[in-house]
Amino acid sequence: MLKKYSQSSGFSLIELLVVATIIIVLTTIGLVSFQSAGRNSRDAKRKADLETVRQGLVLYRADLGSYPTGSVYGTMTTRLIDLDYLTSPAPTDPKGTAPNVYSYSSAGSDFCVCASMENSANAGGASGCSAPTNGYCVSNP
């Protein structure tokens, strides 16, 4: 007598391809969402850093009568740290590579501190500053 072979109970190739495609799509969506969250969190840190520096500059002016002059962010923050208006280390950009660096400019009577944002929706801030592309700036109150 001949035995009839029954079909195996495994998955077909089509079923495996469908499952693999679904996993790839979900992974891609997760990665894009994660990258967007990272950009937004770095932009939030930039805004908080600029506000911290702004507060230090306002205190500096209240005590000394003018803002530190110049156009070098590092020199200005070093001066604020030396005089205890900022805590060490100075706020720096989370990425720290161009164009993601902080900029500063002041003639003594006003100031502008800017940062480049990764997400253009986070750009804006103070008017009257020459902000970088997708930049966010703070200035004297």
N, C-alpha and C. Protein backbone atom coordinates (compact mmCIF):
# COMPACT_ATOMS: atom_id res chain seq x y z
N MET A 1 0.82 -1.17 0.00
CA MET A 1 0.00 0.00 0.00
C MET A 1 0.87 1.24 0.00
N LEU A 2 0.41 2.21 -0.75
CA LEU A 2 1.11 3.48 -0.83
C LEU A 2 0.56 4.43 0.22
N LYS A 3 1.49 5.10 0.88
CA LYS A 3 1.07 6.09 1.87
C LYS A 3 0.94 7.44 1.19
N LYS A 4 -0.05 8.18 1.60
CA LYS A 4 -0.21 9.55 1.10
C LYS A 4 0.61 10.46 1.99
N TYR A 5 1.37 11.32 1.34
CA TYR A 5 2.13 12.31 2.10
C TYR A 5 1.24 13.51 2.38
N SER A 6 1.18 13.90 3.63
CA SER A 6 0.40 15.09 3.96
C SER A 6 1.31 16.30 3.89
N GLN A 7 0.71 17.44 3.70
CA GLN A 7 1.50 18.67 3.62
C GLN A 7 2.10 18.97 4.98
N SER A 8 3.31 19.56 4.93
CA SER A 8 3.97 19.90 6.20
C SER A 8 3.25 21.06 6.86
N SER A 9 3.45 21.20 8.15
CA SER A 9 2.75 22.24 8.89
C SER A 9 3.61 23.49 9.07
N GLY A 10 4.65 23.70 8.27
CA GLY A 10 5.51 24.88 8.37
C GLY A 10 4.89 26.09 7.68
N PHE A 11 5.67 27.20 7.70
CA PHE A 11 5.21 28.44 7.07
C PHE A 11 5.61 28.45 5.61
N SER A 12 4.77 29.08 4.79
CA SER A 12 5.12 29.21 3.38
C SER A 12 6.08 30.39 3.20
N LEU A 13 6.72 30.44 2.07
CA LEU A 13 7.66 31.51 1.76
C LEU A 13 6.96 32.87 1.77
N ILE A 14 5.77 32.94 1.27
CA ILE A 14 5.01 34.19 1.23
C ILE A 14 4.73 34.68 2.65
N GLU A 15 4.33 33.79 3.53
CA GLU A 15 4.06 34.20 4.91
C GLU A 15 5.32 34.75 5.58
N LEU A 16 6.45 34.12 5.36
CA LEU A 16 7.71 34.59 5.93
C LEU A 16 8.10 35.96 5.38
N LEU A 17 7.90 36.16 4.07
CA LEU A 17 8.21 37.46 3.46
C LEU A 17 7.32 38.56 4.01
N VAL A 18 6.05 38.28 4.22
CA VAL A 18 5.13 39.27 4.77
C VAL A 18 5.56 39.66 6.19
N VAL A 19 5.89 38.69 7.00
CA VAL A 19 6.32 38.97 8.37
C VAL A 19 7.62 39.78 8.37
N ALA A 20 8.58 39.40 7.51
CA ALA A 20 9.85 40.13 7.43
C ALA A 20 9.61 41.57 6.99
N THR A 21 8.73 41.80 6.04
CA THR A 21 8.42 43.14 5.56
C THR A 21 7.80 43.98 6.68
N ILE A 22 6.90 43.41 7.44
CA ILE A 22 6.27 44.14 8.54
C ILE A 22 7.32 44.52 9.58
N ILE A 23 8.22 43.63 9.90
CA ILE A 23 9.28 43.92 10.88
C ILE A 23 10.19 45.03 10.37
N ILE A 24 10.54 45.01 9.11
CA ILE A 24 11.40 46.05 8.53
C ILE A 24 10.70 47.41 8.57
N VAL A 25 9.44 47.46 8.23
CA VAL A 25 8.69 48.73 8.24
C VAL A 25 8.61 49.29 9.65
N LEU A 26 8.29 48.44 10.62
CA LEU A 26 8.19 48.91 12.01
C LEU A 26 9.54 49.37 12.54
N THR A 27 10.62 48.69 12.19
CA THR A 27 11.96 49.10 12.61
C THR A 27 12.32 50.44 12.01
N THR A 28 12.03 50.66 10.75
CA THR A 28 12.32 51.93 10.09
C THR A 28 11.56 53.08 10.76
N ILE A 29 10.30 52.86 11.04
CA ILE A 29 9.49 53.90 11.71
C ILE A 29 10.08 54.22 13.08
N GLY A 30 10.49 53.20 13.82
CA GLY A 30 11.09 53.41 15.13
C GLY A 30 12.39 54.18 15.06
N LEU A 31 13.25 53.87 14.10
CA LEU A 31 14.52 54.57 13.96
C LEU A 31 14.32 56.04 13.61
N VAL A 32 13.42 56.32 12.70
CA VAL A 32 13.15 57.70 12.31
C VAL A 32 12.61 58.49 13.50
N SER A 33 11.72 57.89 14.25
CA SER A 33 11.16 58.55 15.43
C SER A 33 12.25 58.79 16.48
N PHE A 34 13.13 57.83 16.68
CA PHE A 34 14.21 57.97 17.65
C PHE A 34 15.17 59.09 17.25
N GLN A 35 15.52 59.17 15.97
CA GLN A 35 16.42 60.23 15.50
C GLN A 35 15.78 61.60 15.68
N SER A 36 14.50 61.72 15.40
CA SER A 36 13.80 62.98 15.57
C SER A 36 13.78 63.40 17.04
N ALA A 37 13.58 62.46 17.93
CA ALA A 37 13.58 62.76 19.36
C ALA A 37 14.97 63.23 19.80
N GLY A 38 16.02 62.63 19.25
CA GLY A 38 17.38 63.05 19.58
C GLY A 38 17.65 64.48 19.13
N ARG A 39 17.23 64.82 17.92
CA ARG A 39 17.41 66.19 17.43
C ARG A 39 16.67 67.19 18.30
N ASN A 40 15.44 66.87 18.64
CA ASN A 40 14.65 67.79 19.47
C ASN A 40 15.23 67.94 20.87
N SER A 41 15.78 66.86 21.43
CA SER A 41 16.37 66.98 22.77
C SER A 41 17.65 67.80 22.74
N ARG A 42 18.46 67.67 21.69
CA ARG A 42 19.66 68.50 21.57
C ARG A 42 19.28 69.97 21.38
N ASP A 43 18.23 70.23 20.61
CA ASP A 43 17.77 71.61 20.44
C ASP A 43 17.26 72.19 21.76
N ALA A 44 16.57 71.38 22.57
CA ALA A 44 16.10 71.85 23.87
C ALA A 44 17.28 72.18 24.78
N LYS A 45 18.34 71.38 24.72
CA LYS A 45 19.54 71.67 25.52
C LYS A 45 20.18 72.97 25.06
N ARG A 46 20.22 73.20 23.75
CA ARG A 46 20.78 74.45 23.24
C ARG A 46 20.00 75.65 23.78
N LYS A 47 18.68 75.58 23.74
CA LYS A 47 17.86 76.68 24.23
C LYS A 47 18.09 76.91 25.72
N ALA A 48 18.19 75.84 26.48
CA ALA A 48 18.43 75.98 27.92
C ALA A 48 19.82 76.57 28.18
N ASP A 49 20.81 76.14 27.41
CA ASP A 49 22.17 76.69 27.55
C ASP A 49 22.19 78.19 27.27
N LEU A 50 21.52 78.60 26.19
CA LEU A 50 21.50 80.02 25.83
C LEU A 50 20.80 80.83 26.91
N GLU A 51 19.75 80.29 27.50
CA GLU A 51 19.06 81.00 28.57
C GLU A 51 19.94 81.13 29.81
N THR A 52 20.71 80.09 30.11
CA THR A 52 21.64 80.14 31.25
C THR A 52 22.69 81.22 31.03
N VAL A 53 23.24 81.28 29.82
CA VAL A 53 24.24 82.29 29.50
C VAL A 53 23.62 83.68 29.55
N ARG A 54 22.40 83.82 29.04
CA ARG A 54 21.71 85.11 29.07
C ARG A 54 21.55 85.61 30.51
N GLN A 55 21.16 84.71 31.40
CA GLN A 55 20.98 85.10 32.80
C GLN A 55 22.32 85.54 33.42
N GLY A 56 23.39 84.84 33.09
CA GLY A 56 24.71 85.23 33.58
C GLY A 56 25.12 86.59 33.06
N LEU A 57 24.83 86.86 31.79
CA LEU A 57 25.18 88.16 31.20
C LEU A 57 24.38 89.29 31.83
N VAL A 58 23.11 89.04 32.12
CA VAL A 58 22.28 90.07 32.76
C VAL A 58 22.82 90.39 34.15
N LEU A 59 23.20 89.37 34.91
CA LEU A 59 23.79 89.60 36.23
C LEU A 59 25.12 90.35 36.12
N TYR A 60 25.92 89.99 35.12
CA TYR A 60 27.20 90.66 34.88
C TYR A 60 26.98 92.15 34.66
N ARG A 61 26.01 92.48 33.80
CA ARG A 61 25.73 93.90 33.50
C ARG A 61 25.19 94.63 34.73
N ALA A 62 24.35 93.96 35.50
CA ALA A 62 23.79 94.60 36.69
C ALA A 62 24.90 94.99 37.67
N ASP A 63 25.95 94.17 37.74
CA ASP A 63 27.04 94.45 38.68
C ASP A 63 28.11 95.37 38.09
N LEU A 64 28.41 95.21 36.79
CA LEU A 64 29.55 95.92 36.21
C LEU A 64 29.17 97.03 35.22
N GLY A 65 27.90 97.17 34.90
CA GLY A 65 27.45 98.28 34.07
C GLY A 65 27.41 98.05 32.58
N SER A 66 28.05 97.01 32.07
CA SER A 66 27.98 96.70 30.63
C SER A 66 28.24 95.21 30.44
N TYR A 67 27.92 94.76 29.22
CA TYR A 67 28.16 93.36 28.88
C TYR A 67 29.61 93.18 28.43
N PRO A 68 30.17 91.96 28.55
CA PRO A 68 31.52 91.74 28.03
C PRO A 68 31.55 91.99 26.52
N THR A 69 32.50 92.76 26.06
CA THR A 69 32.58 93.06 24.63
C THR A 69 33.34 91.96 23.91
N GLY A 70 33.07 91.85 22.62
CA GLY A 70 33.78 90.88 21.80
C GLY A 70 32.85 90.03 20.98
N SER A 71 33.44 89.06 20.31
CA SER A 71 32.66 88.18 19.45
C SER A 71 33.09 86.73 19.60
N VAL A 72 33.72 86.39 20.71
CA VAL A 72 34.16 85.01 20.93
C VAL A 72 33.39 84.43 22.12
N TYR A 73 32.62 83.42 21.85
CA TYR A 73 31.79 82.80 22.89
C TYR A 73 32.65 82.26 24.03
N GLY A 74 33.72 81.57 23.72
CA GLY A 74 34.57 80.96 24.74
C GLY A 74 35.20 81.98 25.68
N THR A 75 35.63 83.11 25.14
CA THR A 75 36.22 84.17 25.97
C THR A 75 35.18 84.75 26.92
N MET A 76 33.99 84.98 26.40
CA MET A 76 32.91 85.54 27.22
C MET A 76 32.53 84.57 28.34
N THR A 77 32.37 83.28 28.04
CA THR A 77 31.98 82.34 29.09
C THR A 77 33.09 82.15 30.12
N THR A 78 34.33 82.20 29.68
CA THR A 78 35.45 82.10 30.63
C THR A 78 35.40 83.27 31.61
N ARG A 79 35.12 84.46 31.10
CA ARG A 79 35.03 85.64 31.96
C ARG A 79 33.87 85.51 32.95
N LEU A 80 32.72 85.02 32.48
CA LEU A 80 31.57 84.84 33.36
C LEU A 80 31.86 83.78 34.44
N ILE A 81 32.57 82.73 34.07
CA ILE A 81 32.93 81.69 35.04
C ILE A 81 33.91 82.24 36.06
N ASP A 82 34.92 82.99 35.59
CA ASP A 82 35.93 83.57 36.50
C ASP A 82 35.30 84.48 37.54
N LEU A 83 34.22 85.18 37.14
CA LEU A 83 33.56 86.12 38.06
C LEU A 83 32.33 85.51 38.74
N ASP A 84 32.17 84.20 38.63
CA ASP A 84 31.09 83.43 39.27
C ASP A 84 29.68 83.78 38.79
N TYR A 85 29.53 84.16 37.54
CA TYR A 85 28.21 84.37 36.97
C TYR A 85 27.72 83.11 36.25
N LEU A 86 28.64 82.20 35.95
CA LEU A 86 28.32 80.88 35.38
C LEU A 86 29.11 79.84 36.16
N THR A 87 28.58 78.63 36.18
CA THR A 87 29.32 77.54 36.80
C THR A 87 30.15 76.83 35.73
N SER A 88 31.25 76.26 36.16
CA SER A 88 32.12 75.53 35.26
C SER A 88 31.61 74.10 35.13
N PRO A 89 31.65 73.48 33.99
CA PRO A 89 32.16 73.96 32.71
C PRO A 89 31.13 74.83 31.99
N ALA A 90 31.62 75.62 31.07
CA ALA A 90 30.74 76.50 30.29
C ALA A 90 29.79 75.66 29.43
N PRO A 91 28.57 76.14 29.23
CA PRO A 91 27.64 75.42 28.36
C PRO A 91 28.21 75.33 26.94
N THR A 92 28.22 74.14 26.39
CA THR A 92 28.68 73.93 25.02
C THR A 92 27.63 73.15 24.25
N ASP A 93 27.70 73.28 22.95
CA ASP A 93 26.74 72.61 22.08
C ASP A 93 26.85 71.09 22.25
N PRO A 94 25.72 70.38 22.25
CA PRO A 94 25.75 68.92 22.41
C PRO A 94 26.56 68.21 21.33
N LYS A 95 26.56 68.73 20.12
CA LYS A 95 27.36 68.12 19.06
C LYS A 95 28.77 68.67 19.05
N GLY A 96 28.90 69.98 19.22
CA GLY A 96 30.21 70.60 19.35
C GLY A 96 31.04 70.71 18.09
N THR A 97 30.46 70.42 16.94
CA THR A 97 31.18 70.57 15.68
C THR A 97 30.39 71.51 14.78
N ALA A 98 31.12 72.24 13.93
CA ALA A 98 30.48 73.23 13.05
C ALA A 98 29.41 72.54 12.21
N PRO A 99 28.27 73.15 11.97
CA PRO A 99 27.88 74.50 12.39
C PRO A 99 27.27 74.54 13.78
N ASN A 100 27.34 73.44 14.51
CA ASN A 100 26.71 73.37 15.82
C ASN A 100 27.64 73.88 16.93
N VAL A 101 27.87 75.16 16.91
CA VAL A 101 28.63 75.82 17.97
C VAL A 101 27.89 77.09 18.35
N TYR A 102 28.10 77.56 19.57
CA TYR A 102 27.44 78.78 20.02
C TYR A 102 28.25 79.99 19.56
N SER A 103 27.53 81.07 19.28
CA SER A 103 28.20 82.31 18.88
C SER A 103 27.74 83.44 19.80
N TYR A 104 28.60 84.45 19.91
CA TYR A 104 28.33 85.58 20.80
C TYR A 104 28.82 86.84 20.13
N SER A 105 28.08 87.91 20.33
CA SER A 105 28.55 89.22 19.88
C SER A 105 27.99 90.29 20.81
N SER A 106 28.85 91.27 21.13
CA SER A 106 28.43 92.35 22.00
C SER A 106 29.35 93.54 21.81
N ALA A 107 28.73 94.74 21.84
CA ALA A 107 29.49 95.99 21.82
C ALA A 107 29.50 96.63 23.20
N GLY A 108 28.93 95.95 24.19
CA GLY A 108 28.92 96.45 25.56
C GLY A 108 27.55 96.86 26.04
N SER A 109 26.73 97.44 25.14
CA SER A 109 25.41 97.90 25.56
C SER A 109 24.32 96.87 25.29
N ASP A 110 24.59 95.91 24.44
CA ASP A 110 23.65 94.84 24.15
C ASP A 110 24.45 93.59 23.78
N PHE A 111 23.77 92.47 23.64
CA PHE A 111 24.45 91.23 23.27
C PHE A 111 23.51 90.34 22.47
N CYS A 112 24.10 89.35 21.83
CA CYS A 112 23.35 88.34 21.10
C CYS A 112 24.12 87.02 21.20
N VAL A 113 23.47 85.99 21.69
CA VAL A 113 24.05 84.65 21.77
C VAL A 113 23.17 83.74 20.94
N CYS A 114 23.79 83.02 19.99
CA CYS A 114 23.02 82.21 19.04
C CYS A 114 23.54 80.77 18.97
N ALA A 115 22.66 79.89 18.51
CA ALA A 115 23.00 78.49 18.25
C ALA A 115 22.24 78.04 17.01
N SER A 116 22.83 77.13 16.25
CA SER A 116 22.15 76.52 15.11
C SER A 116 21.30 75.36 15.61
N MET A 117 20.05 75.32 15.18
CA MET A 117 19.14 74.24 15.57
C MET A 117 19.14 73.16 14.50
N GLU A 118 18.98 71.93 14.91
CA GLU A 118 18.91 70.82 13.96
C GLU A 118 17.53 70.71 13.33
N ASN A 119 16.50 71.09 14.08
CA ASN A 119 15.13 71.05 13.58
C ASN A 119 14.69 72.50 13.34
N SER A 120 14.40 72.85 12.10
CA SER A 120 14.07 74.24 11.78
C SER A 120 12.83 74.73 12.52
N ALA A 121 11.98 73.82 12.99
CA ALA A 121 10.80 74.23 13.76
C ALA A 121 11.20 74.84 15.10
N ASN A 122 12.40 74.55 15.57
CA ASN A 122 12.87 75.08 16.85
C ASN A 122 13.61 76.40 16.71
N ALA A 123 13.78 76.89 15.49
CA ALA A 123 14.51 78.14 15.26
C ALA A 123 13.67 79.33 15.68
N GLY A 124 14.34 80.47 15.86
CA GLY A 124 13.63 81.70 16.22
C GLY A 124 14.35 82.41 17.34
N GLY A 125 13.58 82.92 18.27
CA GLY A 125 14.18 83.60 19.41
C GLY A 125 14.22 85.09 19.19
N ALA A 126 15.28 85.72 19.69
CA ALA A 126 15.41 87.17 19.71
C ALA A 126 15.46 87.76 18.30
N SER A 127 14.78 88.87 18.13
CA SER A 127 14.88 89.59 16.86
C SER A 127 16.04 90.58 16.98
N GLY A 128 16.57 90.99 15.88
CA GLY A 128 17.67 91.93 15.90
C GLY A 128 19.04 91.27 15.93
N CYS A 129 19.09 89.98 16.07
CA CYS A 129 20.35 89.24 16.03
C CYS A 129 20.54 88.69 14.62
N SER A 130 21.77 88.60 14.20
CA SER A 130 22.03 87.97 12.90
C SER A 130 22.17 86.47 13.14
N ALA A 131 21.03 85.80 13.16
CA ALA A 131 20.98 84.38 13.48
C ALA A 131 21.50 83.54 12.33
N PRO A 132 22.16 82.42 12.64
CA PRO A 132 22.58 81.49 11.60
C PRO A 132 21.34 80.82 10.99
N THR A 133 21.53 80.14 9.89
CA THR A 133 20.42 79.40 9.27
C THR A 133 19.85 78.44 10.30
N ASN A 134 18.54 78.41 10.43
CA ASN A 134 17.86 77.59 11.45
C ASN A 134 18.39 77.91 12.83
N GLY A 135 18.71 79.16 13.09
CA GLY A 135 19.30 79.55 14.37
C GLY A 135 18.27 79.96 15.40
N TYR A 136 18.70 79.90 16.63
CA TYR A 136 17.92 80.39 17.76
C TYR A 136 18.82 81.33 18.53
N CYS A 137 18.33 82.53 18.85
CA CYS A 137 19.16 83.53 19.53
C CYS A 137 18.44 84.09 20.75
N VAL A 138 19.24 84.51 21.72
CA VAL A 138 18.74 85.27 22.86
C VAL A 138 19.53 86.56 22.91
N SER A 139 18.88 87.61 23.42
CA SER A 139 19.56 88.90 23.54
C SER A 139 19.19 89.54 24.86
N ASN A 140 19.77 90.73 25.09
CA ASN A 140 19.51 91.42 26.35
C ASN A 140 18.03 91.78 26.46
N PRO A 141 17.53 91.74 27.71
CA PRO A 141 16.10 92.04 27.91
C PRO A 141 15.81 93.52 27.72
